[in-house]
Amino acid sequence: MELLHNLHREGATICMVTHDPRFAKHAEREVHLFDGKVVAEEELKKLMADVHA
């Protein structure tokens, strides 16, 4: 993660895909996908609740 932070500070754009919240917390911006579509946080919570119901 330190290497990615250093690269970003130098101007590089970093696009990381993860399911691990330990890595996601380092992001300045998060984009959530559900079934291959971009969803808003509220939509994601509803969809996840429907899946686990």
PDB file of N, CA and C in Angstrom:
ATOM      1  N   MET A   1       0.823  -1.186   0.000  1.00  0.00           N
ATOM      2  CA  MET A   1       0.000   0.000   0.000  1.00  0.00           C
ATOM      3  C   MET A   1       0.872   1.258   0.000  1.00  0.00           C
ATOM      4  N   GLU A   2       1.993   1.193   0.665  1.00  0.00           N
ATOM      5  CA  GLU A   2       2.886   2.353   0.693  1.00  0.00           C
ATOM      6  C   GLU A   2       3.380   2.680  -0.715  1.00  0.00           C
ATOM      7  N   LEU A   3       3.710   1.671  -1.491  1.00  0.00           N
ATOM      8  CA  LEU A   3       4.150   1.890  -2.870  1.00  0.00           C
ATOM      9  C   LEU A   3       3.047   2.573  -3.686  1.00  0.00           C
ATOM     10  N   LEU A   4       1.809   2.119  -3.539  1.00  0.00           N
ATOM     11  CA  LEU A   4       0.693   2.732  -4.259  1.00  0.00           C
ATOM     12  C   LEU A   4       0.483   4.179  -3.816  1.00  0.00           C
ATOM     13  N   HIS A   5       0.580   4.438  -2.527  1.00  0.00           N
ATOM     14  CA  HIS A   5       0.455   5.814  -2.019  1.00  0.00           C
ATOM     15  C   HIS A   5       1.544   6.707  -2.607  1.00  0.00           C
ATOM     16  N   ASN A   6       2.774   6.193  -2.657  1.00  0.00           N
ATOM     17  CA  ASN A   6       3.879   6.981  -3.213  1.00  0.00           C
ATOM     18  C   ASN A   6       3.649   7.274  -4.693  1.00  0.00           C
ATOM     19  N   LEU A   7       3.223   6.281  -5.441  1.00  0.00           N
ATOM     20  CA  LEU A   7       2.949   6.490  -6.865  1.00  0.00           C
ATOM     21  C   LEU A   7       1.844   7.524  -7.064  1.00  0.00           C
ATOM     22  N   HIS A   8       0.809   7.439  -6.227  1.00  0.00           N
ATOM     23  CA  HIS A   8      -0.303   8.386  -6.336  1.00  0.00           C
ATOM     24  C   HIS A   8       0.155   9.815  -6.020  1.00  0.00           C
ATOM     25  N   ARG A   9       0.972   9.963  -4.997  1.00  0.00           N
ATOM     26  CA  ARG A   9       1.518  11.277  -4.639  1.00  0.00           C
ATOM     27  C   ARG A   9       2.322  11.879  -5.784  1.00  0.00           C
ATOM     28  N   GLU A  10       2.944  11.003  -6.583  1.00  0.00           N
ATOM     29  CA  GLU A  10       3.747  11.461  -7.719  1.00  0.00           C
ATOM     30  C   GLU A  10       2.891  11.737  -8.952  1.00  0.00           C
ATOM     31  N   GLY A  11       1.571  11.518  -8.848  1.00  0.00           N
ATOM     32  CA  GLY A  11       0.672  11.859  -9.947  1.00  0.00           C
ATOM     33  C   GLY A  11       0.049  10.686 -10.674  1.00  0.00           C
ATOM     34  N   ALA A  12       0.385   9.469 -10.294  1.00  0.00           N
ATOM     35  CA  ALA A  12      -0.185   8.300 -10.959  1.00  0.00           C
ATOM     36  C   ALA A  12      -1.626   8.081 -10.522  1.00  0.00           C
ATOM     37  N   THR A  13      -2.446   7.642 -11.453  1.00  0.00           N
ATOM     38  CA  THR A  13      -3.813   7.241 -11.132  1.00  0.00           C
ATOM     39  C   THR A  13      -3.793   5.750 -10.819  1.00  0.00           C
ATOM     40  N   ILE A  14      -4.382   5.388  -9.707  1.00  0.00           N
ATOM     41  CA  ILE A  14      -4.401   3.993  -9.274  1.00  0.00           C
ATOM     42  C   ILE A  14      -5.840   3.489  -9.314  1.00  0.00           C
ATOM     43  N   CYS A  15      -6.054   2.389  -9.976  1.00  0.00           N
ATOM     44  CA  CYS A  15      -7.364   1.738  -9.992  1.00  0.00           C
ATOM     45  C   CYS A  15      -7.173   0.352  -9.396  1.00  0.00           C
ATOM     46  N   MET A  16      -7.768   0.131  -8.236  1.00  0.00           N
ATOM     47  CA  MET A  16      -7.600  -1.135  -7.542  1.00  0.00           C
ATOM     48  C   MET A  16      -8.974  -1.773  -7.361  1.00  0.00           C
ATOM     49  N   VAL A  17      -9.045  -3.053  -7.620  1.00  0.00           N
ATOM     50  CA  VAL A  17     -10.279  -3.802  -7.418  1.00  0.00           C
ATOM     51  C   VAL A  17     -10.062  -4.747  -6.245  1.00  0.00           C
ATOM     52  N   THR A  18     -10.964  -4.682  -5.261  1.00  0.00           N
ATOM     53  CA  THR A  18     -10.810  -5.533  -4.084  1.00  0.00           C
ATOM     54  C   THR A  18     -12.156  -5.814  -3.435  1.00  0.00           C
ATOM     55  N   HIS A  19     -12.201  -6.903  -2.721  1.00  0.00           N
ATOM     56  CA  HIS A  19     -13.349  -7.226  -1.878  1.00  0.00           C
ATOM     57  C   HIS A  19     -12.961  -7.056  -0.411  1.00  0.00           C
ATOM     58  N   ASP A  20     -11.720  -6.661  -0.172  1.00  0.00           N
ATOM     59  CA  ASP A  20     -11.174  -6.597   1.173  1.00  0.00           C
ATOM     60  C   ASP A  20     -11.261  -5.165   1.713  1.00  0.00           C
ATOM     61  N   PRO A  21     -12.093  -4.932   2.727  1.00  0.00           N
ATOM     62  CA  PRO A  21     -12.245  -3.577   3.271  1.00  0.00           C
ATOM     63  C   PRO A  21     -10.957  -3.004   3.856  1.00  0.00           C
ATOM     64  N   ARG A  22     -10.011  -3.850   4.234  1.00  0.00           N
ATOM     65  CA  ARG A  22      -8.727  -3.344   4.756  1.00  0.00           C
ATOM     66  C   ARG A  22      -7.973  -2.562   3.689  1.00  0.00           C
ATOM     67  N   PHE A  23      -8.121  -2.955   2.436  1.00  0.00           N
ATOM     68  CA  PHE A  23      -7.467  -2.234   1.344  1.00  0.00           C
ATOM     69  C   PHE A  23      -8.347  -1.102   0.842  1.00  0.00           C
ATOM     70  N   ALA A  24      -9.648  -1.322   0.806  1.00  0.00           N
ATOM     71  CA  ALA A  24     -10.584  -0.311   0.298  1.00  0.00           C
ATOM     72  C   ALA A  24     -10.544   0.965   1.138  1.00  0.00           C
ATOM     73  N   LYS A  25     -10.242   0.849   2.434  1.00  0.00           N
ATOM     74  CA  LYS A  25     -10.237   2.033   3.298  1.00  0.00           C
ATOM     75  C   LYS A  25      -9.165   3.045   2.895  1.00  0.00           C
ATOM     76  N   HIS A  26      -8.195   2.640   2.091  1.00  0.00           N
ATOM     77  CA  HIS A  26      -7.138   3.546   1.644  1.00  0.00           C
ATOM     78  C   HIS A  26      -7.569   4.409   0.458  1.00  0.00           C
ATOM     79  N   ALA A  27      -8.683   4.079  -0.146  1.00  0.00           N
ATOM     80  CA  ALA A  27      -9.123   4.774  -1.359  1.00  0.00           C
ATOM     81  C   ALA A  27      -9.675   6.156  -1.056  1.00  0.00           C
ATOM     82  N   GLU A  28      -9.444   7.083  -1.987  1.00  0.00           N
ATOM     83  CA  GLU A  28     -10.075   8.401  -1.906  1.00  0.00           C
ATOM     84  C   GLU A  28     -11.492   8.328  -2.452  1.00  0.00           C
ATOM     85  N   ARG A  29     -11.732   7.365  -3.324  1.00  0.00           N
ATOM     86  CA  ARG A  29     -13.046   7.225  -3.967  1.00  0.00           C
ATOM     87  C   ARG A  29     -13.337   5.747  -4.134  1.00  0.00           C
ATOM     88  N   GLU A  30     -14.597   5.370  -3.895  1.00  0.00           N
ATOM     89  CA  GLU A  30     -15.019   3.983  -4.085  1.00  0.00           C
ATOM     90  C   GLU A  30     -16.157   3.944  -5.085  1.00  0.00           C
ATOM     91  N   VAL A  31     -16.133   2.957  -5.946  1.00  0.00           N
ATOM     92  CA  VAL A  31     -17.220   2.711  -6.883  1.00  0.00           C
ATOM     93  C   VAL A  31     -17.705   1.293  -6.594  1.00  0.00           C
ATOM     94  N   HIS A  32     -18.975   1.160  -6.278  1.00  0.00           N
ATOM     95  CA  HIS A  32     -19.526  -0.149  -5.933  1.00  0.00           C
ATOM     96  C   HIS A  32     -20.244  -0.747  -7.131  1.00  0.00           C
ATOM     97  N   LEU A  33     -20.004  -2.036  -7.342  1.00  0.00           N
ATOM     98  CA  LEU A  33     -20.662  -2.771  -8.418  1.00  0.00           C
ATOM     99  C   LEU A  33     -21.555  -3.841  -7.811  1.00  0.00           C
ATOM    100  N   PHE A  34     -22.679  -4.102  -8.474  1.00  0.00           N
ATOM    101  CA  PHE A  34     -23.563  -5.199  -8.085  1.00  0.00           C
ATOM    102  C   PHE A  34     -24.089  -5.807  -9.374  1.00  0.00           C
ATOM    103  N   ASP A  35     -23.839  -7.081  -9.581  1.00  0.00           N
ATOM    104  CA  ASP A  35     -24.214  -7.763 -10.822  1.00  0.00           C
ATOM    105  C   ASP A  35     -23.707  -7.023 -12.048  1.00  0.00           C
ATOM    106  N   GLY A  36     -22.493  -6.505 -11.958  1.00  0.00           N
ATOM    107  CA  GLY A  36     -21.859  -5.850 -13.088  1.00  0.00           C
ATOM    108  C   GLY A  36     -22.303  -4.427 -13.363  1.00  0.00           C
ATOM    109  N   LYS A  37     -23.114  -3.841 -12.462  1.00  0.00           N
ATOM    110  CA  LYS A  37     -23.596  -2.478 -12.658  1.00  0.00           C
ATOM    111  C   LYS A  37     -23.155  -1.598 -11.492  1.00  0.00           C
ATOM    112  N   VAL A  38     -22.828  -0.337 -11.817  1.00  0.00           N
ATOM    113  CA  VAL A  38     -22.460   0.628 -10.780  1.00  0.00           C
ATOM    114  C   VAL A  38     -23.706   0.999  -9.998  1.00  0.00           C
ATOM    115  N   VAL A  39     -23.609   0.931  -8.673  1.00  0.00           N
ATOM    116  CA  VAL A  39     -24.744   1.276  -7.820  1.00  0.00           C
ATOM    117  C   VAL A  39     -24.303   2.282  -6.763  1.00  0.00           C
ATOM    118  N   ALA A  40     -25.244   3.093  -6.300  1.00  0.00           N
ATOM    119  CA  ALA A  40     -24.999   4.033  -5.212  1.00  0.00           C
ATOM    120  C   ALA A  40     -24.983   3.265  -3.899  1.00  0.00           C
ATOM    121  N   GLU A  41     -24.436   3.872  -2.867  1.00  0.00           N
ATOM    122  CA  GLU A  41     -24.324   3.202  -1.568  1.00  0.00           C
ATOM    123  C   GLU A  41     -25.685   2.750  -1.042  1.00  0.00           C
ATOM    124  N   GLU A  42     -26.714   3.602  -1.186  1.00  0.00           N
ATOM    125  CA  GLU A  42     -28.042   3.232  -0.698  1.00  0.00           C
ATOM    126  C   GLU A  42     -28.597   2.034  -1.481  1.00  0.00           C
ATOM    127  N   GLU A  43     -28.385   2.046  -2.794  1.00  0.00           N
ATOM    128  CA  GLU A  43     -28.833   0.923  -3.617  1.00  0.00           C
ATOM    129  C   GLU A  43     -28.106  -0.356  -3.215  1.00  0.00           C
ATOM    130  N   LEU A  44     -26.795  -0.238  -2.959  1.00  0.00           N
ATOM    131  CA  LEU A  44     -26.003  -1.394  -2.579  1.00  0.00           C
ATOM    132  C   LEU A  44     -26.533  -2.007  -1.287  1.00  0.00           C
ATOM    133  N   LYS A  45     -26.830  -1.178  -0.292  1.00  0.00           N
ATOM    134  CA  LYS A  45     -27.356  -1.698   0.981  1.00  0.00           C
ATOM    135  C   LYS A  45     -28.673  -2.436   0.775  1.00  0.00           C
ATOM    136  N   LYS A  46     -29.565  -1.886  -0.057  1.00  0.00           N
ATOM    137  CA  LYS A  46     -30.845  -2.533  -0.312  1.00  0.00           C
ATOM    138  C   LYS A  46     -30.645  -3.850  -1.059  1.00  0.00           C
ATOM    139  N   LEU A  47     -29.802  -3.847  -2.077  1.00  0.00           N
ATOM    140  CA  LEU A  47     -29.559  -5.062  -2.850  1.00  0.00           C
ATOM    141  C   LEU A  47     -28.936  -6.152  -1.978  1.00  0.00           C
ATOM    142  N   MET A  48     -28.001  -5.768  -1.129  1.00  0.00           N
ATOM    143  CA  MET A  48     -27.360  -6.756  -0.250  1.00  0.00           C
ATOM    144  C   MET A  48     -28.356  -7.299   0.766  1.00  0.00           C
ATOM    145  N   ALA A  49     -29.254  -6.455   1.252  1.00  0.00           N
ATOM    146  CA  ALA A  49     -30.273  -6.915   2.196  1.00  0.00           C
ATOM    147  C   ALA A  49     -31.208  -7.911   1.500  1.00  0.00           C
ATOM    148  N   ASP A  50     -31.564  -7.626   0.243  1.00  0.00           N
ATOM    149  CA  ASP A  50     -32.441  -8.526  -0.520  1.00  0.00           C
ATOM    150  C   ASP A  50     -31.760  -9.871  -0.778  1.00  0.00           C
ATOM    151  N   VAL A  51     -30.473  -9.842  -1.051  1.00  0.00           N
ATOM    152  CA  VAL A  51     -29.717 -11.082  -1.321  1.00  0.00           C
ATOM    153  C   VAL A  51     -29.640 -11.939  -0.077  1.00  0.00           C
ATOM    154  N   HIS A  52     -29.447 -11.310   1.078  1.00  0.00           N
ATOM    155  CA  HIS A  52     -29.271 -12.062   2.324  1.00  0.00           C
ATOM    156  C   HIS A  52     -30.604 -12.370   3.015  1.00  0.00           C
ATOM    157  N   ALA A  53     -31.712 -11.946   2.449  1.00  0.00           N
ATOM    158  CA  ALA A  53     -33.017 -12.201   3.079  1.00  0.00           C
ATOM    159  C   ALA A  53     -33.508 -13.606   2.807  1.00  0.00           C
TER     160      ALA A  53
END
